[in-house]
């Protein structure tokens, strides 16, 4: 009897132990952490969801845009632009050719943000090859490339041979070391026209694999250009020009309706003229077409728009140049004596430091010498005006007639040289 009772107790204990063990196994199987109320808590070490946002695709913001102009500041249509990756680790990637639009603008997308590129623009003017280049870091929508025959060298890439646009359904792809990216034909985007029939039975020709070619090579261009004809480059920052009141200027011809005969941007019914870049200069040989600099108040001054005299005398100088200051009294006298006859003196000062400090230095000289002629600030160490006029010393005096032709030039300070210049001024103004 005792034996049966002991066996029963042992079976009961084993049953209780078995229930306890099963309970522990069930608890370890459900490893989800829970808070005090028993609700499940999300684990930080869980793998990321497959639907997580991968972020913007690579190259989405790598845009380069701007304009192509010639040495006369005219927009150049349909110029070819070669894009060279300056950070290519292998150095063997084929350059990409892009063709600008008919208005002289270009918008290149799909480049890598933060990468450095060189843009080499070329076009043909008769038998002459005009070229120009600029360095840019994507993104940059404010680029400007100036073309000139003098910039062309033996290392300038030749113009690419335009390839005929393949017919729809032929399955042709760009080939060669570089591909020319051109806007699509207008008929390709016309929804009113039915799609053209192709020899492939309506299939996408770009996905057809010819027999015997199991691994077709992709085209050399691995990014797509989406043309945006309405996108224009952002104009350079700077204050807008303030209109001058020239109604009482005796040197300017008057229009029949009164006021300055030159159309102002604020006149009703007149299309405003685009502002030229500052600083800029268009000088071909001895023929000056235009230049633009800032005045002491930070306003753009343009030779074509703002000059008043028939004869212009340019003075290249700076405030710490003693020979330059020796010429100032003579220029003040000439502006007073010959200004009414058509002489206009323009002083271009090349100062150092910030723009406010430059303006303060020039204003101090104006007050000390009672300067009565226009003074402008040079455009920095690489000023296009000083470069194109080939100014090698200060002071340099340049006399320009009403047609823009340079008729006299002198460097340094010599009383005899100033006498010669005054004689030339009097002769051209009929003040002998």
Protein backbone atom coordinates (compact mmCIF):
# COMPACT_ATOMS: atom_id res chain seq x y z
CA UNK A 1 0.00 0.00 0.00
CA UNK A 2 2.82 2.30 0.92
CA UNK A 3 4.50 1.43 -2.36
CA UNK A 4 1.44 2.42 -4.37
CA UNK A 5 1.12 5.67 -2.41
CA UNK A 6 4.79 6.56 -3.07
CA UNK A 7 4.45 5.84 -6.76
CA UNK A 8 1.41 8.12 -6.95
CA UNK A 9 3.23 10.98 -5.23
CA UNK A 10 6.20 10.60 -7.59
CA UNK A 11 3.96 10.69 -10.67
CA UNK A 12 2.24 13.85 -9.39
CA UNK A 13 5.60 15.62 -8.82
CA UNK A 14 6.82 14.71 -12.26
CA UNK A 15 3.61 16.04 -13.78
CA UNK A 16 4.01 19.36 -11.97
CA UNK A 17 7.67 19.67 -13.04
CA UNK A 18 6.71 18.90 -16.63
CA UNK A 19 4.09 21.68 -16.68
CA UNK A 20 6.66 24.14 -15.30
CA UNK A 21 9.24 23.22 -17.93
CA UNK A 22 6.72 23.53 -20.77
CA UNK A 23 5.73 26.92 -19.49
CA UNK A 24 9.33 28.15 -19.55
CA UNK A 25 9.80 26.89 -23.11
CA UNK A 26 6.70 28.74 -24.25
CA UNK A 27 7.89 31.97 -22.62
CA UNK A 28 11.33 31.78 -24.26
CA UNK A 29 9.76 31.13 -27.66
CA UNK A 30 7.89 34.45 -27.46
CA UNK A 31 10.91 36.81 -27.12
CA UNK A 32 8.96 39.97 -27.87
CA UNK A 33 9.67 42.53 -25.11
CA UNK A 34 6.62 43.88 -23.32
CA UNK A 35 5.96 46.83 -21.04
CA UNK A 36 4.35 46.77 -17.65
CA UNK A 37 0.82 46.46 -19.06
CA UNK A 38 1.82 43.56 -21.31
CA UNK A 39 1.82 45.47 -24.57
CA UNK A 40 4.55 44.61 -27.07
CA UNK A 41 7.45 47.06 -27.40
CA UNK A 42 9.26 47.57 -30.73
CA UNK A 43 12.85 46.32 -30.73
CA UNK A 44 15.67 48.61 -31.86
CA UNK A 45 17.71 45.75 -33.30
CA UNK A 46 14.97 44.69 -35.72
CA UNK A 47 16.04 44.79 -39.40
CA UNK A 48 15.04 47.84 -41.42
CA UNK A 49 11.82 47.56 -43.35
CA UNK A 50 12.10 46.82 -47.01
CA UNK A 51 9.80 49.78 -47.71
CA UNK A 52 12.11 52.39 -46.10
CA UNK A 53 12.68 55.56 -48.16
CA UNK A 54 15.97 55.11 -50.06
CA UNK A 55 16.36 58.89 -50.48
CA UNK A 56 16.86 60.82 -53.71
CA UNK A 57 18.60 59.02 -56.56
CA UNK A 58 22.26 59.73 -57.19
CA UNK A 59 22.82 62.76 -59.41
CA UNK A 60 19.30 64.20 -58.96
CA UNK A 61 20.63 67.65 -58.12
CA UNK A 62 23.71 67.68 -60.38
CA UNK A 63 22.63 70.45 -62.76
CA UNK A 64 24.82 72.83 -64.76
CA UNK A 65 23.11 75.62 -66.70
CA UNK A 66 24.00 78.96 -68.22
CA UNK A 67 24.62 80.77 -71.50
CA UNK A 68 27.16 80.86 -74.33
CA UNK A 69 28.19 84.28 -75.73
CA UNK A 70 30.72 85.57 -78.24
CA UNK A 71 33.25 88.37 -77.77
CA UNK A 72 30.55 90.89 -78.76
CA UNK A 73 28.35 89.71 -75.86
CA UNK A 74 25.87 88.09 -78.24
CA UNK A 75 24.23 84.76 -77.43
CA UNK A 76 25.58 81.89 -79.56
CA UNK A 77 22.90 79.39 -80.66
CA UNK A 78 23.42 75.64 -81.01
CA UNK A 79 26.95 75.64 -79.58
CA UNK A 80 28.53 72.27 -78.79
CA UNK A 81 29.64 71.79 -75.18
CA UNK A 82 31.95 68.97 -74.12
CA UNK A 83 31.56 67.86 -70.47
CA UNK A 84 34.78 66.49 -68.95
CA UNK A 85 34.75 64.84 -65.51
CA UNK A 86 37.82 66.22 -63.72
CA UNK A 87 37.51 63.70 -60.88
CA UNK A 88 37.44 60.54 -62.95
CA UNK A 89 39.77 58.19 -61.03
CA UNK A 90 40.68 56.25 -64.15
CA UNK A 91 41.02 59.27 -66.40
CA UNK A 92 39.77 57.29 -69.36
CA UNK A 93 36.06 58.04 -69.40
CA UNK A 94 34.88 59.33 -72.76
CA UNK A 95 33.73 62.98 -72.65
CA UNK A 96 30.10 63.75 -73.33
CA UNK A 97 28.95 66.20 -75.99
CA UNK A 98 25.91 68.40 -75.44
CA UNK A 99 24.37 70.85 -77.89
CA UNK A 100 22.86 74.10 -76.59
CA UNK A 101 19.49 75.39 -77.71
CA UNK A 102 18.75 77.88 -80.47
CA UNK A 103 18.63 80.79 -78.00
CA UNK A 104 22.18 80.29 -76.69
CA UNK A 105 21.29 78.67 -73.33
CA UNK A 106 22.12 75.22 -72.00
CA UNK A 107 20.80 73.07 -69.15
CA UNK A 108 22.71 69.86 -68.37
CA UNK A 109 21.18 67.46 -65.85
CA UNK A 110 22.18 64.13 -64.37
CA UNK A 111 25.67 65.12 -63.17
CA UNK A 112 27.00 64.24 -59.71
CA UNK A 113 26.53 66.96 -57.05
CA UNK A 114 29.85 68.18 -55.64
CA UNK A 115 31.89 66.91 -58.59
CA UNK A 116 34.14 69.18 -60.65
CA UNK A 117 33.63 69.43 -64.40
CA UNK A 118 35.16 71.33 -67.30
CA UNK A 119 32.80 72.64 -69.98
CA UNK A 120 34.41 73.33 -73.38
CA UNK A 121 32.10 75.16 -75.79
CA UNK A 122 32.79 75.43 -79.54
CA UNK A 123 31.09 76.74 -82.65
CA UNK A 124 32.01 77.57 -86.23
CA UNK A 125 31.95 81.14 -87.60
CA UNK A 126 32.51 80.50 -91.28
CA UNK A 127 35.90 78.77 -91.39
CA UNK A 128 36.94 79.97 -87.93
CA UNK A 129 36.58 77.77 -84.84
CA UNK A 130 35.51 79.78 -81.80
CA UNK A 131 35.93 78.18 -78.40
CA UNK A 132 35.85 78.88 -74.69
CA UNK A 133 35.82 76.90 -71.46
CA UNK A 134 34.91 77.19 -67.80
CA UNK A 135 35.28 75.10 -64.64
CA UNK A 136 32.17 74.33 -62.61
CA UNK A 137 31.05 72.31 -59.61
CA UNK A 138 27.57 70.80 -59.84
CA UNK A 139 25.04 72.16 -59.17
CA UNK A 140 25.51 75.63 -60.69
CA UNK A 141 22.80 77.38 -62.79
CA UNK A 142 24.75 80.63 -63.34
CA UNK A 143 27.49 79.67 -65.80
CA UNK A 144 28.68 81.85 -68.69
CA UNK A 145 31.05 80.71 -71.43
CA UNK A 146 32.60 83.31 -73.77
CA UNK A 147 33.77 82.13 -77.21
CA UNK A 148 36.69 83.69 -79.03
CA UNK A 149 39.03 82.59 -81.79
CA UNK A 150 42.01 83.52 -79.59
CA UNK A 151 40.96 80.84 -77.06
CA UNK A 152 41.26 78.09 -79.69
CA UNK A 153 44.44 75.99 -79.51
CA UNK A 154 45.62 72.66 -80.96
CA UNK A 155 44.26 70.95 -77.82
CA UNK A 156 40.74 72.30 -78.39
CA UNK A 157 38.39 69.38 -79.19
CA UNK A 158 37.03 69.49 -82.75
CA UNK A 159 33.35 69.84 -83.42
CA UNK A 160 31.56 66.48 -83.37
CA UNK A 161 30.08 65.13 -86.55
CA UNK A 162 26.28 65.40 -86.25
CA UNK A 163 24.70 61.98 -86.56
CA UNK A 164 21.37 61.64 -88.40
CA UNK A 165 18.38 61.17 -86.16
CA UNK A 166 17.35 57.49 -86.42
CA UNK A 167 13.90 56.71 -87.72
CA UNK A 168 11.35 55.40 -85.30
CA UNK A 169 11.42 51.62 -84.99
CA UNK A 170 14.95 51.14 -86.35
CA UNK A 171 16.49 50.52 -82.93
CA UNK A 172 19.61 52.59 -83.57
CA UNK A 173 21.65 53.81 -80.62
CA UNK A 174 24.45 56.34 -80.23
CA UNK A 175 27.89 54.94 -80.95
CA UNK A 176 31.49 56.13 -80.91
CA UNK A 177 33.65 57.63 -78.16
CA UNK A 178 31.04 60.24 -77.27
CA UNK A 179 27.36 60.78 -77.82
CA UNK A 180 25.62 64.00 -78.81
CA UNK A 181 22.65 64.73 -76.59
CA UNK A 182 19.94 66.49 -78.55
CA UNK A 183 16.34 67.43 -77.69
CA UNK A 184 13.72 65.02 -79.06
CA UNK A 185 11.93 65.76 -82.28
CA UNK A 186 8.60 67.58 -81.87
CA UNK A 187 6.71 64.81 -83.65
CA UNK A 188 7.96 62.30 -81.06
CA UNK A 189 6.01 64.03 -78.30
CA UNK A 190 2.82 64.72 -80.31
CA UNK A 191 0.04 62.70 -78.60
CA UNK A 192 -2.30 63.21 -81.56
CA UNK A 193 -0.14 61.04 -83.84
CA UNK A 194 -0.31 57.22 -83.59
CA UNK A 195 2.97 55.44 -82.88
CA UNK A 196 4.88 54.40 -85.95
CA UNK A 197 4.99 50.77 -86.92
CA UNK A 198 8.33 49.03 -86.50
CA UNK A 199 9.88 45.90 -87.88
CA UNK A 200 9.87 44.38 -84.42
CA UNK A 201 6.10 44.13 -84.32
CA UNK A 202 5.48 47.01 -81.90
CA UNK A 203 8.16 46.03 -79.36
CA UNK A 204 10.58 48.55 -77.87
CA UNK A 205 13.57 48.54 -80.27
CA UNK A 206 15.96 49.39 -77.42
CA UNK A 207 15.15 46.04 -75.75
CA UNK A 208 15.60 43.83 -78.79
CA UNK A 209 18.59 41.48 -78.67
CA UNK A 210 19.86 40.38 -82.04
CA UNK A 211 20.68 36.74 -82.64
CA UNK A 212 24.09 35.68 -81.45
CA UNK A 213 24.45 38.67 -79.09
CA UNK A 214 23.44 37.49 -75.62
CA UNK A 215 25.20 40.35 -73.79
CA UNK A 216 24.47 43.56 -75.72
CA UNK A 217 26.67 46.46 -74.68
CA UNK A 218 24.87 49.52 -73.33
CA UNK A 219 25.37 52.92 -74.97
CA UNK A 220 28.33 54.96 -73.61
CA UNK A 221 26.00 57.52 -72.01
CA UNK A 222 24.54 56.11 -68.80
CA UNK A 223 22.52 59.14 -67.81
CA UNK A 224 19.64 60.79 -69.58
CA UNK A 225 19.17 64.41 -70.52
CA UNK A 226 15.69 65.79 -70.01
CA UNK A 227 15.44 68.99 -72.13
CA UNK A 228 13.96 71.98 -70.34
CA UNK A 229 13.69 74.81 -72.89
CA UNK A 230 11.87 77.06 -70.45
CA UNK A 231 14.60 76.88 -67.77
CA UNK A 232 16.81 79.97 -67.90
CA UNK A 233 20.00 80.48 -65.90
CA UNK A 234 19.61 82.48 -62.72
CA UNK A 235 20.94 86.02 -63.30
CA UNK A 236 24.00 86.96 -61.24
CA UNK A 237 23.20 88.61 -57.90
CA UNK A 238 23.61 92.34 -57.62
CA UNK A 239 21.66 95.54 -57.15
CA UNK A 240 19.37 96.63 -59.97
CA UNK A 241 20.50 99.74 -61.87
CA UNK A 242 18.77 102.94 -60.85
CA UNK A 243 17.54 105.14 -63.73
CA UNK A 244 19.41 108.39 -64.19
CA UNK A 245 17.58 111.65 -64.63
CA UNK A 246 19.03 113.01 -67.86
CA UNK A 247 16.13 115.21 -68.97
CA UNK A 248 18.24 118.34 -68.49
CA UNK A 249 21.46 116.97 -69.96
CA UNK A 250 22.39 119.25 -72.92
CA UNK A 251 24.65 116.58 -74.47
CA UNK A 252 21.86 114.05 -75.06
CA UNK A 253 19.46 114.31 -78.01
CA UNK A 254 15.82 114.68 -77.12
CA UNK A 255 12.99 112.52 -78.37
CA UNK A 256 9.89 114.14 -79.92
CA UNK A 257 7.88 113.29 -76.82
CA UNK A 258 10.49 114.90 -74.55
CA UNK A 259 13.18 113.38 -72.35
CA UNK A 260 16.21 111.37 -73.29
CA UNK A 261 16.10 109.86 -76.78
CA UNK A 262 17.66 106.68 -75.45
CA UNK A 263 14.85 104.38 -74.31
CA UNK A 264 14.73 103.96 -70.56
CA UNK A 265 13.77 100.69 -68.94
CA UNK A 266 10.98 102.50 -67.08
CA UNK A 267 9.41 104.01 -70.22
CA UNK A 268 5.96 102.58 -71.01
CA UNK A 269 5.71 100.37 -74.06
CA UNK A 270 9.48 99.80 -74.27
CA UNK A 271 10.91 96.30 -73.90
CA UNK A 272 13.63 96.43 -71.19
CA UNK A 273 17.16 95.63 -72.35
CA UNK A 274 18.93 92.76 -70.59
CA UNK A 275 21.58 93.89 -68.12
CA UNK A 276 25.12 92.92 -69.07
CA UNK A 277 27.30 91.07 -66.54
CA UNK A 278 29.39 93.17 -64.14
CA UNK A 279 32.33 93.27 -64.56
CA UNK A 280 32.55 92.66 -68.30
CA UNK A 281 34.27 94.09 -71.36
CA UNK A 282 33.91 93.71 -75.14
CA UNK A 283 36.99 95.12 -76.87
CA UNK A 284 38.10 93.76 -80.26
CA UNK A 285 41.43 95.14 -81.38
CA UNK A 286 41.14 98.91 -80.97
CA UNK A 287 37.34 98.91 -81.20
CA UNK A 288 35.47 99.24 -77.89
CA UNK A 289 31.92 97.91 -77.98
CA UNK A 290 30.97 97.97 -74.30
CA UNK A 291 32.15 97.47 -70.73
CA UNK A 292 30.42 97.45 -67.34
CA UNK A 293 31.69 98.12 -63.79
CA UNK A 294 30.24 99.21 -60.44
CA UNK A 295 30.29 102.84 -59.30
CA UNK A 296 31.07 103.96 -55.75
CA UNK A 297 27.45 103.36 -54.66
CA UNK A 298 27.47 99.75 -55.90
CA UNK A 299 25.33 100.53 -58.96
CA UNK A 300 26.22 99.06 -62.40
CA UNK A 301 27.67 101.55 -64.88
CA UNK A 302 27.62 100.58 -68.55
CA UNK A 303 29.57 102.31 -71.31
CA UNK A 304 26.88 101.89 -73.96
CA UNK A 305 24.04 103.01 -71.72
CA UNK A 306 25.51 105.59 -69.34
CA UNK A 307 28.23 107.51 -71.18
CA UNK A 308 27.30 111.07 -72.10
CA UNK A 309 30.21 112.51 -74.06
CA UNK A 310 31.17 112.19 -77.70
CA UNK A 311 34.77 111.70 -76.60
CA UNK A 312 35.63 109.45 -73.63
CA UNK A 313 38.89 109.61 -71.67
CA UNK A 314 39.55 106.54 -69.48
CA UNK A 315 41.95 106.82 -66.53
CA UNK A 316 43.24 103.56 -64.97
CA UNK A 317 44.64 104.40 -61.52
CA UNK A 318 44.58 103.69 -57.76
CA UNK A 319 44.68 105.93 -54.69
CA UNK A 320 48.20 104.99 -53.50
CA UNK A 321 49.79 105.71 -56.91
CA UNK A 322 51.61 109.07 -56.69
CA UNK A 323 52.03 109.53 -60.50
CA UNK A 324 48.29 108.84 -60.83
CA UNK A 325 47.49 111.71 -58.46
CA UNK A 326 49.69 114.06 -60.54
CA UNK A 327 47.33 113.53 -63.51
CA UNK A 328 44.14 114.22 -61.53
CA UNK A 329 44.28 118.09 -61.60
CA UNK A 330 44.66 118.05 -65.39
CA UNK A 331 41.66 115.70 -65.78
CA UNK A 332 39.55 117.90 -63.48
CA UNK A 333 40.42 120.95 -65.58
CA UNK A 334 39.68 119.20 -68.88
CA UNK A 335 36.30 117.96 -67.65
CA UNK A 336 35.43 121.54 -66.64
CA UNK A 337 36.73 123.18 -69.84
CA UNK A 338 35.68 120.62 -72.47
CA UNK A 339 32.77 118.79 -70.83
CA UNK A 340 30.17 121.01 -72.49
CA UNK A 341 31.82 120.34 -75.88
CA UNK A 342 31.49 116.55 -75.52
CA UNK A 343 34.38 115.26 -73.37
CA UNK A 344 33.63 112.78 -70.59
CA UNK A 345 36.39 111.62 -68.22
CA UNK A 346 35.94 108.21 -66.56
CA UNK A 347 38.27 107.20 -63.74
CA UNK A 348 38.59 103.45 -63.04
CA UNK A 349 40.21 102.84 -59.65
CA UNK A 350 41.86 99.51 -58.76
CA UNK A 351 41.91 99.41 -54.96
CA UNK A 352 42.61 96.60 -52.49
CA UNK A 353 40.39 95.26 -49.72
CA UNK A 354 36.62 94.98 -49.40
CA UNK A 355 34.33 96.98 -51.67
CA UNK A 356 33.34 99.40 -48.88
CA UNK A 357 37.01 100.13 -48.15
CA UNK A 358 37.72 100.65 -51.86
CA UNK A 359 34.86 103.12 -52.18
CA UNK A 360 36.02 104.98 -49.05
CA UNK A 361 39.56 105.38 -50.43
CA UNK A 362 38.29 106.76 -53.74
CA UNK A 363 35.82 109.12 -52.02
CA UNK A 364 38.67 110.55 -49.95
CA UNK A 365 40.64 111.34 -53.13
CA UNK A 366 37.54 112.84 -54.76
CA UNK A 367 37.07 115.21 -51.84
CA UNK A 368 40.75 116.17 -51.61
CA UNK A 369 41.15 116.97 -55.34
CA UNK A 370 37.52 118.10 -56.02
CA UNK A 371 37.13 115.47 -58.74
CA UNK A 372 34.24 116.39 -61.03
CA UNK A 373 34.20 113.33 -63.30
CA UNK A 374 32.74 109.82 -62.97
CA UNK A 375 34.75 107.33 -60.90
CA UNK A 376 34.24 103.57 -61.05
CA UNK A 377 35.71 100.62 -59.15
CA UNK A 378 37.80 98.07 -61.05
CA UNK A 379 36.60 94.48 -61.15
CA UNK A 380 39.29 92.84 -58.99
CA UNK A 381 42.65 91.30 -59.86
CA UNK A 382 41.27 89.61 -62.97
CA UNK A 383 39.16 92.52 -64.18
CA UNK A 384 38.18 91.95 -67.84
CA UNK A 385 38.33 95.71 -68.52
CA UNK A 386 41.96 96.04 -67.39
CA UNK A 387 42.86 92.77 -69.11
CA UNK A 388 41.29 93.63 -72.49
CA UNK A 389 42.79 97.14 -72.48
CA UNK A 390 46.17 95.49 -71.70
CA UNK A 391 46.89 97.87 -68.83
CA UNK A 392 50.41 97.11 -67.55
CA UNK A 393 51.07 100.24 -65.46
CA UNK A 394 49.25 102.95 -63.55
CA UNK A 395 48.36 105.53 -64.59
CA UNK A 396 47.21 104.60 -68.11
CA UNK A 397 45.13 107.07 -70.13
CA UNK A 398 43.05 105.91 -73.12
CA UNK A 399 41.06 108.24 -75.39
CA UNK A 400 38.05 106.72 -77.22
CA UNK A 401 36.06 108.53 -79.91
CA UNK A 402 32.30 108.40 -80.37
CA UNK A 403 32.49 105.28 -82.58
CA UNK A 404 34.43 103.33 -79.90
CA UNK A 405 37.79 103.57 -81.68
CA UNK A 406 40.88 104.05 -79.48
CA UNK A 407 42.58 107.17 -80.87
CA UNK A 408 45.24 107.84 -78.19
CA UNK A 409 46.96 105.92 -75.42
CA UNK A 410 49.69 106.75 -72.90
CA UNK A 411 51.24 105.31 -69.74
CA UNK A 412 52.86 107.02 -66.77
CA UNK A 413 53.03 110.72 -65.96
CA UNK A 414 54.87 113.23 -68.13
CA UNK A 415 53.82 116.88 -68.60
CA UNK A 416 54.78 116.68 -72.26
CA UNK A 417 52.53 113.66 -72.71
CA UNK A 418 49.60 115.48 -71.10
CA UNK A 419 50.11 118.40 -73.47
CA UNK A 420 49.96 116.01 -76.42
CA UNK A 421 46.74 114.47 -75.08
CA UNK A 422 45.10 117.89 -74.58
CA UNK A 423 45.99 118.83 -78.14
CA UNK A 424 44.30 115.63 -79.38
CA UNK A 425 41.18 116.39 -77.31
CA UNK A 426 40.92 119.97 -78.62
CA UNK A 427 41.42 118.81 -82.20
CA UNK A 428 38.64 116.20 -82.02
CA UNK A 429 36.25 118.60 -80.29
CA UNK A 430 37.03 121.44 -82.76
CA UNK A 431 38.42 123.59 -79.95
CA UNK A 432 41.70 124.60 -81.60
